[in-house]
Each structure stands twice: as C-alpha cells, then as structure tokens.
Amino acid sequence: MTKASEYHKQGFTCGEAIIKTYNEEHNTNIPISLGSSMGAGFTVGSLCGAVGAATVIIGSLKGRESKDEINDARKYTKELMIDIKEKYGTEICRDLKKNGVSCDEIIEYTYESLNKILWL
C-alpha cells in the first residue's frame, strides 16, 4: 500500500495524493483531478491542499444532493478542521511551512485524521 506522502514525492499534488490513496484503500472512485488545483496551498499558500482534498472526500461521501437533506459533510469537515488546528495551530500552507511542518507530515496527519473521523 502506497502512503499518500509517497505519491506526493512521485509528483502528485498533496490533494491528488490524498484522494489517490483514499481511493485505493477504500475502493472509492473520487476523481483524483479534483485535487489538481490544491497543491502549494491552492497555489498561493492558503488552505493546505491535503486538508482541502480531505474535505472533498468528505463531501463526496457524506454530502447531500438536495437542500432538503441534512448536510452531514459539514459536521465531518468541522471535526477535521478542528483536529488539524489543534495539532498545528493552523491549516494554512504558508504558516505550516513557516512553523517547520513538512508536506509529508501534514499529508500523513490529515489522511489519518480523515480516516479516523469517517470510520469511527
């Protein structure tokens, strides 16, 4: 099993790496291309692409198709964001880098957190 950080080292963006790994481990078919624009903090150092991709996965699995449905995706996303912020103090790419958090570390932590939140 290839870890998300290994896919990142192979040239996938952090977002693509999270989605690719999730698909392989959970037999889902979320388009990897959804993570293509997320690398390097959505290319400008803003929201970490790994975190962004994790929220895309949450939306894909727990999202709704109608405004009349309960939006469970928000609950799971909030858990993820709180977990990342408690661990690192931020979910912003440039700040993570400034604080010495490597891409490998945030990719792996985000992926583990995503799995923990979705499969409790």
N, C-alpha and C. Protein backbone atom coordinates (compact mmCIF):
# COMPACT_ATOMS: atom_id res chain seq x y z
N MET A 1 0.85 -1.18 0.00
CA MET A 1 0.00 0.00 0.00
C MET A 1 0.89 1.24 0.00
N THR A 2 0.65 2.13 -0.94
CA THR A 2 1.43 3.35 -1.04
C THR A 2 0.82 4.43 -0.15
N LYS A 3 1.66 5.06 0.64
CA LYS A 3 1.21 6.13 1.51
C LYS A 3 1.01 7.40 0.69
N ALA A 4 0.13 8.25 1.16
CA ALA A 4 -0.16 9.50 0.45
C ALA A 4 1.11 10.33 0.26
N SER A 5 1.97 10.38 1.26
CA SER A 5 3.19 11.17 1.14
C SER A 5 4.12 10.61 0.06
N GLU A 6 4.06 9.31 -0.16
CA GLU A 6 4.87 8.70 -1.23
C GLU A 6 4.36 9.15 -2.61
N TYR A 7 3.06 9.22 -2.77
CA TYR A 7 2.51 9.73 -4.04
C TYR A 7 2.92 11.18 -4.24
N HIS A 8 2.95 11.94 -3.17
CA HIS A 8 3.37 13.34 -3.27
C HIS A 8 4.83 13.40 -3.75
N LYS A 9 5.67 12.55 -3.21
CA LYS A 9 7.08 12.51 -3.63
C LYS A 9 7.22 12.10 -5.09
N GLN A 10 6.24 11.34 -5.61
CA GLN A 10 6.27 10.91 -7.01
C GLN A 10 5.79 12.01 -7.96
N GLY A 11 5.29 13.12 -7.43
CA GLY A 11 4.89 14.23 -8.28
C GLY A 11 3.42 14.59 -8.24
N PHE A 12 2.63 13.86 -7.48
CA PHE A 12 1.23 14.23 -7.31
C PHE A 12 1.16 15.43 -6.36
N THR A 13 0.18 16.32 -6.56
CA THR A 13 -0.02 17.38 -5.58
C THR A 13 -0.46 16.73 -4.28
N CYS A 14 -0.39 17.47 -3.19
CA CYS A 14 -0.83 16.92 -1.91
C CYS A 14 -2.30 16.52 -1.98
N GLY A 15 -3.10 17.33 -2.66
CA GLY A 15 -4.52 17.00 -2.81
C GLY A 15 -4.75 15.73 -3.62
N GLU A 16 -4.04 15.61 -4.74
CA GLU A 16 -4.16 14.40 -5.56
C GLU A 16 -3.72 13.17 -4.78
N ALA A 17 -2.64 13.32 -4.03
CA ALA A 17 -2.09 12.19 -3.26
C ALA A 17 -3.07 11.69 -2.22
N ILE A 18 -3.76 12.60 -1.55
CA ILE A 18 -4.76 12.21 -0.55
C ILE A 18 -5.90 11.44 -1.22
N ILE A 19 -6.41 11.98 -2.31
CA ILE A 19 -7.55 11.34 -2.99
C ILE A 19 -7.14 10.00 -3.58
N LYS A 20 -5.97 9.93 -4.22
CA LYS A 20 -5.50 8.67 -4.82
C LYS A 20 -5.36 7.58 -3.76
N THR A 21 -4.77 7.93 -2.64
CA THR A 21 -4.59 6.95 -1.57
C THR A 21 -5.93 6.51 -1.00
N TYR A 22 -6.83 7.46 -0.80
CA TYR A 22 -8.15 7.11 -0.26
C TYR A 22 -8.87 6.16 -1.20
N ASN A 23 -8.84 6.46 -2.48
CA ASN A 23 -9.48 5.57 -3.46
C ASN A 23 -8.94 4.15 -3.39
N GLU A 24 -7.63 4.04 -3.30
CA GLU A 24 -7.00 2.72 -3.29
C GLU A 24 -7.33 1.95 -2.01
N GLU A 25 -7.35 2.63 -0.89
CA GLU A 25 -7.57 1.95 0.38
C GLU A 25 -9.04 1.66 0.67
N HIS A 26 -9.93 2.44 0.07
CA HIS A 26 -11.35 2.30 0.41
C HIS A 26 -12.23 1.95 -0.79
N ASN A 27 -11.58 1.62 -1.90
CA ASN A 27 -12.30 1.19 -3.11
C ASN A 27 -13.36 2.22 -3.53
N THR A 28 -12.98 3.49 -3.49
CA THR A 28 -13.84 4.55 -3.99
C THR A 28 -13.30 5.02 -5.33
N ASN A 29 -14.05 5.86 -5.99
CA ASN A 29 -13.66 6.34 -7.31
C ASN A 29 -13.83 7.86 -7.40
N ILE A 30 -13.32 8.56 -6.42
CA ILE A 30 -13.37 10.02 -6.41
C ILE A 30 -12.32 10.51 -7.42
N PRO A 31 -12.71 11.40 -8.33
CA PRO A 31 -11.73 11.85 -9.34
C PRO A 31 -10.49 12.48 -8.70
N ILE A 32 -9.34 11.93 -9.00
CA ILE A 32 -8.08 12.44 -8.48
C ILE A 32 -7.87 13.88 -8.94
N SER A 33 -8.38 14.19 -10.12
CA SER A 33 -8.20 15.52 -10.68
C SER A 33 -8.81 16.62 -9.80
N LEU A 34 -9.72 16.28 -8.91
CA LEU A 34 -10.28 17.28 -8.01
C LEU A 34 -9.20 17.88 -7.11
N GLY A 35 -8.12 17.15 -6.90
CA GLY A 35 -7.02 17.65 -6.08
C GLY A 35 -5.93 18.37 -6.86
N SER A 36 -6.07 18.44 -8.17
CA SER A 36 -5.00 19.01 -9.00
C SER A 36 -4.71 20.48 -8.73
N SER A 37 -5.71 21.24 -8.38
CA SER A 37 -5.50 22.68 -8.17
C SER A 37 -5.14 23.02 -6.73
N MET A 38 -4.99 22.02 -5.88
CA MET A 38 -4.83 22.28 -4.45
C MET A 38 -3.39 22.35 -3.97
N GLY A 39 -2.44 21.96 -4.78
CA GLY A 39 -1.05 21.92 -4.35
C GLY A 39 -0.52 23.29 -3.96
N ALA A 40 0.43 23.31 -3.04
CA ALA A 40 1.07 24.53 -2.55
C ALA A 40 0.05 25.52 -2.00
N GLY A 41 -0.89 24.98 -1.25
CA GLY A 41 -1.90 25.84 -0.63
C GLY A 41 -2.77 26.51 -1.67
N PHE A 42 -3.36 25.69 -2.53
CA PHE A 42 -4.18 26.21 -3.64
C PHE A 42 -3.38 27.20 -4.48
N THR A 43 -2.11 26.89 -4.65
CA THR A 43 -1.09 27.60 -5.44
C THR A 43 -0.64 28.93 -4.86
N VAL A 44 -1.23 29.41 -3.78
CA VAL A 44 -0.87 30.71 -3.23
C VAL A 44 -0.56 30.66 -1.73
N GLY A 45 -0.36 29.47 -1.20
CA GLY A 45 -0.02 29.34 0.22
C GLY A 45 -1.19 29.45 1.17
N SER A 46 -2.41 29.34 0.65
CA SER A 46 -3.57 29.45 1.54
C SER A 46 -3.91 28.09 2.13
N LEU A 47 -5.15 27.65 2.09
CA LEU A 47 -5.54 26.38 2.70
C LEU A 47 -4.65 25.24 2.19
N CYS A 48 -4.14 24.46 3.11
CA CYS A 48 -3.31 23.30 2.76
C CYS A 48 -4.09 22.39 1.81
N GLY A 49 -3.48 22.01 0.71
CA GLY A 49 -4.14 21.17 -0.27
C GLY A 49 -4.53 19.80 0.26
N ALA A 50 -3.76 19.26 1.17
CA ALA A 50 -4.12 17.97 1.78
C ALA A 50 -5.42 18.10 2.55
N VAL A 51 -5.56 19.19 3.27
CA VAL A 51 -6.78 19.44 4.03
C VAL A 51 -7.94 19.68 3.07
N GLY A 52 -7.71 20.45 2.03
CA GLY A 52 -8.75 20.69 1.04
C GLY A 52 -9.24 19.41 0.40
N ALA A 53 -8.31 18.53 0.04
CA ALA A 53 -8.69 17.25 -0.57
C ALA A 53 -9.47 16.38 0.40
N ALA A 54 -9.07 16.41 1.66
CA ALA A 54 -9.81 15.63 2.66
C ALA A 54 -11.26 16.11 2.74
N THR A 55 -11.47 17.42 2.63
CA THR A 55 -12.84 17.93 2.66
C THR A 55 -13.61 17.54 1.40
N VAL A 56 -12.92 17.43 0.28
CA VAL A 56 -13.57 16.95 -0.96
C VAL A 56 -14.03 15.51 -0.78
N ILE A 57 -13.20 14.70 -0.17
CA ILE A 57 -13.57 13.31 0.10
C ILE A 57 -14.78 13.26 1.03
N ILE A 58 -14.75 14.07 2.07
CA ILE A 58 -15.89 14.12 2.98
C ILE A 58 -17.16 14.51 2.22
N GLY A 59 -17.06 15.53 1.40
CA GLY A 59 -18.22 15.96 0.63
C GLY A 59 -18.72 14.88 -0.30
N SER A 60 -17.80 14.18 -0.92
CA SER A 60 -18.17 13.10 -1.84
C SER A 60 -18.90 11.98 -1.14
N LEU A 61 -18.46 11.66 0.08
CA LEU A 61 -19.03 10.53 0.81
C LEU A 61 -20.20 10.90 1.72
N LYS A 62 -20.18 12.09 2.27
CA LYS A 62 -21.17 12.47 3.27
C LYS A 62 -22.02 13.67 2.84
N GLY A 63 -21.79 14.17 1.63
CA GLY A 63 -22.51 15.34 1.14
C GLY A 63 -23.94 15.02 0.75
N ARG A 64 -24.63 16.05 0.37
CA ARG A 64 -26.04 15.91 0.02
C ARG A 64 -26.27 16.30 -1.43
N GLU A 65 -27.39 15.88 -1.95
CA GLU A 65 -27.77 16.19 -3.32
C GLU A 65 -28.90 17.21 -3.37
N SER A 66 -29.51 17.48 -2.24
CA SER A 66 -30.66 18.37 -2.19
C SER A 66 -30.57 19.25 -0.95
N LYS A 67 -31.05 20.46 -1.05
CA LYS A 67 -31.06 21.36 0.11
C LYS A 67 -31.97 20.85 1.22
N ASP A 68 -32.82 19.91 0.89
CA ASP A 68 -33.74 19.35 1.87
C ASP A 68 -33.12 18.24 2.72
N GLU A 69 -31.96 17.75 2.31
CA GLU A 69 -31.27 16.72 3.06
C GLU A 69 -30.43 17.35 4.17
N ILE A 70 -30.14 16.58 5.18
CA ILE A 70 -29.22 17.02 6.25
C ILE A 70 -27.81 17.04 5.66
N ASN A 71 -27.07 18.08 5.96
CA ASN A 71 -25.72 18.24 5.42
C ASN A 71 -24.69 17.69 6.42
N ASP A 72 -24.54 16.38 6.44
CA ASP A 72 -23.58 15.73 7.34
C ASP A 72 -22.13 16.09 7.02
N ALA A 73 -21.86 16.47 5.79
CA ALA A 73 -20.48 16.80 5.40
C ALA A 73 -19.91 17.93 6.26
N ARG A 74 -20.74 18.87 6.62
CA ARG A 74 -20.27 19.99 7.44
C ARG A 74 -19.78 19.52 8.81
N LYS A 75 -20.49 18.59 9.41
CA LYS A 75 -20.11 18.07 10.73
C LYS A 75 -18.73 17.39 10.65
N TYR A 76 -18.53 16.56 9.64
CA TYR A 76 -17.25 15.86 9.50
C TYR A 76 -16.12 16.83 9.15
N THR A 77 -16.42 17.80 8.31
CA THR A 77 -15.41 18.79 7.94
C THR A 77 -15.00 19.60 9.16
N LYS A 78 -15.96 19.98 9.98
CA LYS A 78 -15.65 20.74 11.19
C LYS A 78 -14.73 19.93 12.10
N GLU A 79 -15.01 18.64 12.26
CA GLU A 79 -14.14 17.78 13.08
C GLU A 79 -12.72 17.76 12.53
N LEU A 80 -12.60 17.62 11.21
CA LEU A 80 -11.28 17.59 10.58
C LEU A 80 -10.55 18.90 10.80
N MET A 81 -11.21 20.01 10.56
CA MET A 81 -10.57 21.32 10.69
C MET A 81 -10.14 21.59 12.13
N ILE A 82 -10.98 21.22 13.09
CA ILE A 82 -10.62 21.40 14.50
C ILE A 82 -9.41 20.54 14.85
N ASP A 83 -9.39 19.30 14.37
CA ASP A 83 -8.27 18.40 14.65
C ASP A 83 -6.96 18.97 14.09
N ILE A 84 -6.98 19.44 12.86
CA ILE A 84 -5.77 20.00 12.23
C ILE A 84 -5.32 21.24 13.00
N LYS A 85 -6.27 22.11 13.32
CA LYS A 85 -5.93 23.35 14.02
C LYS A 85 -5.40 23.07 15.43
N GLU A 86 -5.96 22.08 16.12
CA GLU A 86 -5.45 21.73 17.45
C GLU A 86 -4.04 21.19 17.38
N LYS A 87 -3.75 20.42 16.37
CA LYS A 87 -2.43 19.80 16.22
C LYS A 87 -1.37 20.82 15.78
N TYR A 88 -1.71 21.65 14.80
CA TYR A 88 -0.70 22.53 14.19
C TYR A 88 -0.92 24.02 14.41
N GLY A 89 -2.07 24.39 14.95
CA GLY A 89 -2.35 25.80 15.17
C GLY A 89 -2.84 26.53 13.93
N THR A 90 -2.83 25.86 12.80
CA THR A 90 -3.25 26.47 11.54
C THR A 90 -3.51 25.39 10.50
N GLU A 91 -4.29 25.75 9.48
CA GLU A 91 -4.49 24.88 8.33
C GLU A 91 -4.00 25.58 7.06
N ILE A 92 -3.29 26.68 7.25
CA ILE A 92 -2.78 27.49 6.14
C ILE A 92 -1.38 27.01 5.75
N CYS A 93 -1.22 26.70 4.48
CA CYS A 93 0.02 26.11 3.96
C CYS A 93 1.25 26.95 4.32
N ARG A 94 1.23 28.22 4.02
CA ARG A 94 2.43 29.05 4.26
C ARG A 94 2.79 29.09 5.74
N ASP A 95 1.77 29.06 6.61
CA ASP A 95 2.03 29.08 8.06
C ASP A 95 2.55 27.72 8.53
N LEU A 96 2.01 26.65 7.98
CA LEU A 96 2.53 25.32 8.31
C LEU A 96 4.01 25.24 7.96
N LYS A 97 4.35 25.69 6.75
CA LYS A 97 5.76 25.66 6.31
C LYS A 97 6.63 26.54 7.20
N LYS A 98 6.12 27.72 7.52
CA LYS A 98 6.86 28.66 8.39
C LYS A 98 7.13 28.04 9.75
N ASN A 99 6.20 27.20 10.21
CA ASN A 99 6.34 26.53 11.51
C ASN A 99 7.11 25.22 11.42
N GLY A 100 7.68 24.92 10.26
CA GLY A 100 8.52 23.74 10.11
C GLY A 100 7.78 22.44 9.86
N VAL A 101 6.50 22.51 9.51
CA VAL A 101 5.73 21.30 9.20
C VAL A 101 5.96 20.95 7.75
N SER A 102 6.48 19.75 7.51
CA SER A 102 6.76 19.32 6.14
C SER A 102 5.48 18.89 5.43
N CYS A 103 5.55 18.89 4.12
CA CYS A 103 4.40 18.39 3.34
C CYS A 103 4.10 16.94 3.72
N ASP A 104 5.12 16.13 3.84
CA ASP A 104 4.91 14.73 4.21
C ASP A 104 4.15 14.61 5.52
N GLU A 105 4.54 15.42 6.51
CA GLU A 105 3.90 15.33 7.82
C GLU A 105 2.42 15.72 7.75
N ILE A 106 2.12 16.85 7.12
CA ILE A 106 0.73 17.29 7.09
C ILE A 106 -0.12 16.38 6.21
N ILE A 107 0.44 15.86 5.15
CA ILE A 107 -0.29 14.91 4.30
C ILE A 107 -0.67 13.68 5.10
N GLU A 108 0.30 13.10 5.79
CA GLU A 108 0.02 11.86 6.54
C GLU A 108 -0.92 12.12 7.73
N TYR A 109 -0.71 13.23 8.43
CA TYR A 109 -1.59 13.51 9.57
C TYR A 109 -3.02 13.75 9.09
N THR A 110 -3.17 14.51 8.03
CA THR A 110 -4.51 14.80 7.50
C THR A 110 -5.18 13.52 7.04
N TYR A 111 -4.43 12.66 6.37
CA TYR A 111 -5.01 11.40 5.90
C TYR A 111 -5.46 10.53 7.07
N GLU A 112 -4.64 10.44 8.09
CA GLU A 112 -5.00 9.65 9.28
C GLU A 112 -6.22 10.25 9.97
N SER A 113 -6.25 11.56 10.09
CA SER A 113 -7.38 12.23 10.73
C SER A 113 -8.67 12.00 9.94
N LEU A 114 -8.59 12.11 8.64
CA LEU A 114 -9.74 11.86 7.77
C LEU A 114 -10.30 10.46 8.01
N ASN A 115 -9.45 9.48 8.01
CA ASN A 115 -9.88 8.10 8.22
C ASN A 115 -10.49 7.91 9.60
N LYS A 116 -9.88 8.51 10.60
CA LYS A 116 -10.39 8.39 11.96
C LYS A 116 -11.79 9.01 12.05
N ILE A 117 -11.96 10.17 11.47
CA ILE A 117 -13.25 10.87 11.52
C ILE A 117 -14.34 10.12 10.77
N LEU A 118 -14.02 9.61 9.59
CA LEU A 118 -15.03 8.94 8.78
C LEU A 118 -15.36 7.53 9.25
N TRP A 119 -14.44 6.89 9.94
CA TRP A 119 -14.64 5.47 10.28
C TRP A 119 -14.66 5.22 11.76
N LEU A 120 -15.13 6.18 12.55
CA LEU A 120 -15.24 5.97 13.99
C LEU A 120 -16.24 4.88 14.31
